[in-house]
Amino acid sequence: MAKSGLDFIEVGQRVKFAKTVGETDVVLFAGITGDFSDTHINEQYVREKSNMPGRIAHGALIVGYMSTASTLSIAHVIHQEELDDFPVSAGWDRVRHLKPVALGDTVTVHYTVKSVDKEKGRSVATVEAVNQHNELVGVAEHIMRWAGKLSGKAES
């Protein structure tokens, strides 16, 4: 009997993901995105031209960590048998970068389901990212859409 993945998602469910931001993270992200802003890759520039003590991570990299938390939030669902839908990110609302994230900072993302709407086929979560000092560095709201599967099964 087919069922919705939303049957396995509950308000209040919480997932945590933590990562220390390293040199490689920032340099590879710059290469992938083409964002070679001096604030991310030029230590001397940042120290001379800003009030920051050193280079900072891209805000979009922190959103990437938020995306990892969203993926972890559905890991217990996606391989359930007989699902008639599957999760896809419908987007991020109210994304805010509240404090810079320095190289060497450990960012912990807390992803908490705040609503489940089976009629609309979506769940919404609040997302908070904190550094190792428990300072809020970023926030967002994430919408997960539960899309119906196409008829027929994929062949192996």
Foldseek 3Di string as FASTA:
>chain_A
DADALLVVDDAFDKFKDKDQAAPCLQVVVCVVVVPPPCLRPPFVCCCPPHPDNGHFHDLVSVVVSVVVRVVVSSPVRQPDPRYQWAKDWPDKAPKDFDDTHHRRWMKMKMWGWHDDDVVQQKTKTKIFIATPVRHTGIIIMTIIHIGGDDPDDDDD
